[in-house]
């Protein structure tokens, strides 16, 4: 992705908002010990993608971000705090940089598009929704590629995810299926616990 003048401005504004907000999790309705409060500055890991974006923004650079491996995952900028900065190269436009990242839990590759073992869909059936959703995000799934069907309401919009509270009764693709960046994950969530079979 190449950023023009408008794109650089949007990227700068987005990064500043994300950094000033402390990259808080949209899954929480209130403060938790893992999230910084309004009076506490966010503590970023030195290798965090958020920190690297902030550094580039302070230098007046635009940036693009992508998976540093050959997995083809979309770096989820809504959950940038789950990604580790690994690689950078000069961008295609003046004063731009391309950043490569992987989810925490994976080692950084030593070069762009490095081959990694096949990513498998984790088993999230039977888990509370919030834990299941977090497991998928930590594997590198993009939040916009996770469809949540809640009770009888149908697909839940991204903005309404914090109100989902229940157990994942079914998932697609099945646990252990190979990661496919073109395929959405579907989580079928009960309002409460799944019905006993």
Protein backbone atom coordinates (compact mmCIF):
# COMPACT_ATOMS: atom_id res chain seq x y z
CA UNK A 1 0.00 0.00 0.00
CA UNK A 2 1.46 3.38 -0.98
CA UNK A 3 0.38 6.53 0.78
CA UNK A 4 -0.04 9.84 -0.98
CA UNK A 5 -0.30 13.22 0.73
CA UNK A 6 -3.88 12.62 1.89
CA UNK A 7 -3.09 9.04 2.92
CA UNK A 8 -0.03 10.19 4.89
CA UNK A 9 -2.15 12.75 6.72
CA UNK A 10 -4.81 10.17 7.54
CA UNK A 11 -2.15 7.69 8.64
CA UNK A 12 -0.49 10.32 10.84
CA UNK A 13 -3.79 11.27 12.45
CA UNK A 14 -4.74 7.61 12.98
CA UNK A 15 -1.38 6.80 14.56
CA UNK A 16 -1.55 9.78 16.87
CA UNK A 17 -5.09 8.91 17.99
CA UNK A 18 -4.10 5.26 18.53
CA UNK A 19 -0.99 6.21 20.48
CA UNK A 20 -2.74 8.83 22.58
CA UNK A 21 -5.56 6.39 23.35
CA UNK A 22 -3.05 3.81 24.52
CA UNK A 23 -4.28 1.26 21.97
CA UNK A 24 -6.98 0.13 24.37
CA UNK A 25 -8.93 -3.00 23.57
CA UNK A 26 -12.38 -2.54 22.03
CA UNK A 27 -13.55 -5.73 23.74
CA UNK A 28 -13.72 -4.13 27.17
CA UNK A 29 -16.60 -2.07 28.55
CA UNK A 30 -14.55 -0.65 31.39
CA UNK A 31 -11.05 -0.33 32.76
CA UNK A 32 -9.01 -3.40 33.59
CA UNK A 33 -5.59 -3.86 35.07
CA UNK A 34 -4.19 -4.58 31.59
CA UNK A 35 -5.42 -1.30 30.14
CA UNK A 36 -3.95 2.08 31.01
CA UNK A 37 -6.30 4.54 32.67
CA UNK A 38 -6.76 8.08 31.38
CA UNK A 39 -4.13 9.33 33.85
CA UNK A 40 -1.61 6.54 33.14
CA UNK A 41 0.47 6.71 29.94
CA UNK A 42 0.44 3.59 27.78
CA UNK A 43 3.50 1.37 28.16
CA UNK A 44 4.57 0.09 24.76
CA UNK A 45 6.98 -2.77 24.28
CA UNK A 46 10.20 -1.62 22.60
CA UNK A 47 9.48 -3.87 19.59
CA UNK A 48 5.81 -2.90 19.34
CA UNK A 49 4.46 -1.87 15.99
CA UNK A 50 2.67 1.03 17.72
CA UNK A 51 5.99 2.39 19.00
CA UNK A 52 7.61 2.11 15.56
CA UNK A 53 4.67 3.87 13.88
CA UNK A 54 4.91 6.64 16.48
CA UNK A 55 8.62 7.07 15.76
CA UNK A 56 8.00 7.35 12.02
CA UNK A 57 5.16 9.83 12.54
CA UNK A 58 7.37 11.98 14.79
CA UNK A 59 9.96 12.06 11.98
CA UNK A 60 7.25 13.24 9.57
CA UNK A 61 7.17 10.00 7.58
CA UNK A 62 4.18 8.24 6.08
CA UNK A 63 4.10 4.48 6.36
CA UNK A 64 2.56 1.28 5.11
CA UNK A 65 2.33 -1.89 7.18
CA UNK A 66 2.18 -5.53 6.11
CA UNK A 67 2.85 -9.04 7.30
CA UNK A 68 6.61 -9.60 7.18
CA UNK A 69 6.10 -13.29 6.31
CA UNK A 70 4.64 -15.17 3.36
CA UNK A 71 1.36 -15.84 5.24
CA UNK A 72 -0.47 -12.96 3.56
CA UNK A 73 -2.22 -11.76 6.70
CA UNK A 74 -3.62 -8.24 6.94
CA UNK A 75 -2.07 -6.31 9.80
CA UNK A 76 -5.13 -5.30 11.81
CA UNK A 77 -4.64 -1.63 12.64
CA UNK A 78 -7.59 -1.83 15.08
CA UNK A 79 -5.46 -4.22 17.14
CA UNK A 80 -1.97 -2.99 16.27
CA UNK A 81 -0.88 -3.64 19.87
CA UNK A 82 -0.90 -7.40 19.07
CA UNK A 83 1.74 -7.00 16.35
CA UNK A 84 5.53 -6.85 16.69
CA UNK A 85 7.63 -4.61 14.43
CA UNK A 86 10.27 -6.65 12.56
CA UNK A 87 11.46 -5.14 9.26
CA UNK A 88 11.48 -1.87 7.40
CA UNK A 89 12.41 -0.67 3.96
CA UNK A 90 12.27 2.61 2.11
CA UNK A 91 8.77 3.34 0.86
CA UNK A 92 7.81 3.95 -2.75
CA UNK A 93 7.16 7.66 -2.13
CA UNK A 94 9.45 10.29 -0.63
CA UNK A 95 9.38 10.35 3.17
CA UNK A 96 7.61 7.00 3.46
CA UNK A 97 8.64 3.70 4.98
CA UNK A 98 7.27 0.15 4.61
CA UNK A 99 7.02 -1.69 7.93
CA UNK A 100 6.87 -5.47 8.34
CA UNK A 101 5.30 -7.06 11.40
CA UNK A 102 4.24 -10.40 12.87
CA UNK A 103 1.86 -11.17 15.73
CA UNK A 104 3.48 -11.45 19.17
CA UNK A 105 4.06 -15.14 19.75
CA UNK A 106 5.92 -15.48 16.44
CA UNK A 107 9.59 -14.82 15.82
CA UNK A 108 10.54 -12.00 13.50
CA UNK A 109 11.83 -13.23 10.16
CA UNK A 110 15.27 -12.11 9.00
CA UNK A 111 13.96 -11.08 5.56
CA UNK A 112 10.74 -10.03 3.84
CA UNK A 113 8.26 -12.75 2.84
CA UNK A 114 10.08 -15.42 4.84
CA UNK A 115 8.33 -18.79 4.80
CA UNK A 116 6.71 -19.79 8.08
CA UNK A 117 4.99 -23.03 9.09
CA UNK A 118 1.37 -23.18 7.99
CA UNK A 119 -0.93 -21.25 10.33
CA UNK A 120 -3.82 -23.33 11.64
CA UNK A 121 -7.20 -22.12 12.87
CA UNK A 122 -7.27 -22.42 16.68
CA UNK A 123 -10.02 -24.32 18.50
CA UNK A 124 -12.31 -21.68 20.00
CA UNK A 125 -15.53 -23.70 20.34
CA UNK A 126 -16.57 -23.88 23.99
CA UNK A 127 -14.65 -20.72 24.94
CA UNK A 128 -16.18 -17.49 26.15
CA UNK A 129 -16.54 -15.17 23.18
CA UNK A 130 -14.03 -12.58 24.41
CA UNK A 131 -11.32 -15.25 24.85
CA UNK A 132 -12.11 -16.86 21.48
CA UNK A 133 -12.01 -13.51 19.67
CA UNK A 134 -8.69 -12.63 21.34
CA UNK A 135 -7.21 -16.03 20.34
CA UNK A 136 -8.05 -15.37 16.69
CA UNK A 137 -6.62 -11.84 16.79
CA UNK A 138 -3.41 -13.13 18.40
CA UNK A 139 -3.01 -15.65 15.55
CA UNK A 140 -3.10 -12.76 13.08
CA UNK A 141 -6.72 -12.87 11.93
CA UNK A 142 -8.05 -9.46 10.92
CA UNK A 143 -11.04 -8.37 13.05
CA UNK A 144 -12.94 -7.42 9.89
CA UNK A 145 -12.61 -11.06 8.75
CA UNK A 146 -14.29 -12.44 11.87
CA UNK A 147 -18.07 -12.72 11.52
CA UNK A 148 -19.89 -13.11 14.82
CA UNK A 149 -23.42 -14.53 14.78
CA UNK A 150 -24.91 -13.81 18.19
CA UNK A 151 -28.02 -15.63 19.37
CA UNK A 152 -30.82 -15.00 16.91
CA UNK A 153 -29.56 -11.51 15.97
CA UNK A 154 -27.41 -12.51 13.00
CA UNK A 155 -24.03 -10.93 12.21
CA UNK A 156 -22.85 -8.41 14.81
CA UNK A 157 -21.35 -5.11 13.59
CA UNK A 158 -17.79 -4.27 14.70
CA UNK A 159 -19.02 -1.40 16.88
CA UNK A 160 -21.32 -3.81 18.77
CA UNK A 161 -18.69 -6.47 19.58
CA UNK A 162 -18.26 -5.28 23.20
CA UNK A 163 -21.84 -6.29 24.04
CA UNK A 164 -21.37 -9.92 22.88
CA UNK A 165 -21.31 -12.11 25.98
CA UNK A 166 -21.63 -15.83 25.65
CA UNK A 167 -20.03 -19.10 24.66
CA UNK A 168 -18.85 -19.99 21.15
CA UNK A 169 -20.97 -22.99 20.11
CA UNK A 170 -19.65 -23.50 16.60
CA UNK A 171 -16.86 -22.16 14.43
CA UNK A 172 -15.99 -22.14 10.76
CA UNK A 173 -13.44 -23.03 9.50
CA UNK A 174 -13.01 -26.04 11.77
CA UNK A 175 -10.15 -26.13 14.28
CA UNK A 176 -6.87 -27.06 12.63
CA UNK A 177 -7.91 -25.88 9.18
CA UNK A 178 -5.16 -24.02 7.28
CA UNK A 179 -5.27 -20.22 7.47
CA UNK A 180 -6.78 -18.69 4.34
CA UNK A 181 -6.58 -14.87 4.19
CA UNK A 182 -9.50 -14.78 1.75
CA UNK A 183 -11.85 -16.71 4.06
CA UNK A 184 -13.84 -15.14 6.89
CA UNK A 185 -13.99 -16.90 10.23
CA UNK A 186 -17.53 -17.40 11.54
CA UNK A 187 -18.22 -17.68 15.25
CA UNK A 188 -21.69 -18.78 16.37
CA UNK A 189 -22.15 -17.40 19.88
CA UNK A 190 -24.94 -18.26 22.31
CA UNK A 191 -26.47 -15.66 24.59
CA UNK A 192 -25.02 -17.37 27.66
CA UNK A 193 -24.03 -21.05 27.37
CA UNK A 194 -24.40 -23.31 24.35
CA UNK A 195 -27.38 -25.70 24.41
CA UNK A 196 -26.46 -29.19 25.61
CA UNK A 197 -26.59 -31.84 22.87
